[in-house]
Amino acid sequence: MIKVERLDETTFKVTVEARKTTEHEVMVDRSYYEKLTGGRVPAETLIERSFEFLLEREPNTSILRRFDLPVIGQYFPEYEGTIRKMLE
């Protein structure tokens, strides 16, 4: 289970309950949010879908504890294209 909680305008706390529960702090600035979503979905949805994307590729214990959302694309070049499709 993925739980997303907004801490402030650009920062979110994400709790992933799996075999081992992990917590992550994720930052996403407004321009990157707009680039990926066009403003069509809440930022929390973008974060949740991004974690679904990550969990298809690695266990929650391997996900960075604190990161800016664009970092995902550095590890997984297909991220931006895939996340756009997931949000359609």
Protein backbone atom coordinates (compact mmCIF):
# COMPACT_ATOMS: atom_id res chain seq x y z
CA MET A 1 0.00 0.00 0.00
CA ILE A 2 1.19 3.51 -0.84
CA LYS A 3 0.16 6.45 1.34
CA VAL A 4 0.97 10.01 0.22
CA GLU A 5 0.78 12.95 2.62
CA ARG A 6 1.45 16.55 1.59
CA LEU A 7 3.89 18.27 3.95
CA ASP A 8 3.99 21.60 2.13
CA GLU A 9 3.56 23.00 -1.40
CA THR A 10 6.36 20.90 -2.89
CA THR A 11 7.17 18.19 -0.34
CA PHE A 12 5.38 14.90 0.28
CA LYS A 13 5.82 12.08 2.76
CA VAL A 14 5.29 8.67 1.19
CA THR A 15 4.78 5.54 3.25
CA VAL A 16 5.07 2.21 1.47
CA GLU A 17 3.69 -0.77 3.34
CA ALA A 18 5.16 -3.98 2.01
CA ARG A 19 7.17 -6.78 3.61
CA LYS A 20 9.04 -3.93 5.32
CA THR A 21 7.41 -0.50 5.71
CA THR A 22 9.47 2.42 4.41
CA GLU A 23 9.06 6.19 4.49
CA HIS A 24 10.26 8.57 1.81
CA GLU A 25 10.34 12.33 1.39
CA VAL A 26 9.71 13.42 -2.19
CA MET A 27 9.94 16.91 -3.61
CA VAL A 28 8.27 18.02 -6.83
CA ASP A 29 8.30 21.61 -8.01
CA ARG A 30 5.32 23.16 -9.76
CA SER A 31 6.93 23.29 -13.21
CA TYR A 32 7.81 19.58 -13.21
CA TYR A 33 4.35 18.69 -11.92
CA GLU A 34 2.81 20.72 -14.78
CA LYS A 35 5.17 19.14 -17.33
CA LEU A 36 4.07 15.62 -16.38
CA THR A 37 0.39 16.17 -15.63
CA GLY A 38 -0.73 19.36 -17.34
CA GLY A 39 -2.47 20.05 -14.04
CA ARG A 40 -5.05 17.31 -14.76
CA VAL A 41 -4.49 15.34 -11.55
CA PRO A 42 -3.53 16.25 -7.98
CA ALA A 43 0.18 16.16 -7.14
CA GLU A 44 -0.55 13.34 -4.69
CA THR A 45 -1.75 11.20 -7.60
CA LEU A 46 1.44 11.91 -9.53
CA ILE A 47 3.51 10.86 -6.53
CA GLU A 48 1.46 7.70 -5.94
CA ARG A 49 1.70 6.64 -9.60
CA SER A 50 5.43 7.39 -9.56
CA PHE A 51 5.84 4.99 -6.64
CA GLU A 52 3.78 2.37 -8.48
CA PHE A 53 6.22 2.82 -11.38
CA LEU A 54 9.20 2.40 -9.06
CA LEU A 55 7.75 -0.61 -7.25
CA GLU A 56 7.34 -2.42 -10.58
CA ARG A 57 11.11 -2.11 -10.96
CA GLU A 58 12.57 -2.41 -7.46
CA PRO A 59 11.59 -3.21 -3.87
CA ASN A 60 10.54 -0.34 -1.62
CA THR A 61 13.68 -0.84 0.46
CA SER A 62 15.78 0.14 -2.60
CA ILE A 63 13.95 3.42 -3.23
CA LEU A 64 15.83 6.51 -2.08
CA ARG A 65 14.61 7.88 1.25
CA ARG A 66 14.70 11.50 0.06
CA PHE A 67 14.69 12.72 -3.54
CA ASP A 68 13.37 15.18 -6.09
CA LEU A 69 10.90 13.52 -8.44
CA PRO A 70 12.97 14.19 -11.63
CA VAL A 71 15.69 11.91 -10.19
CA ILE A 72 13.56 8.91 -11.19
CA GLY A 73 14.29 9.68 -14.85
CA GLN A 74 18.03 9.51 -14.19
CA TYR A 75 17.66 5.88 -13.11
CA PHE A 76 14.81 4.95 -15.45
CA PRO A 77 14.85 6.93 -18.73
CA GLU A 78 11.38 5.66 -19.64
CA TYR A 79 9.84 7.30 -16.53
CA GLU A 80 8.40 10.50 -18.01
CA GLY A 81 6.77 8.79 -20.99
CA THR A 82 5.41 5.97 -18.87
CA ILE A 83 4.05 8.21 -16.11
CA ARG A 84 2.20 10.38 -18.63
CA LYS A 85 0.47 7.26 -19.98
CA MET A 86 -0.34 6.05 -16.45
CA LEU A 87 -2.04 9.38 -15.73
CA GLU A 88 -4.21 9.48 -18.88
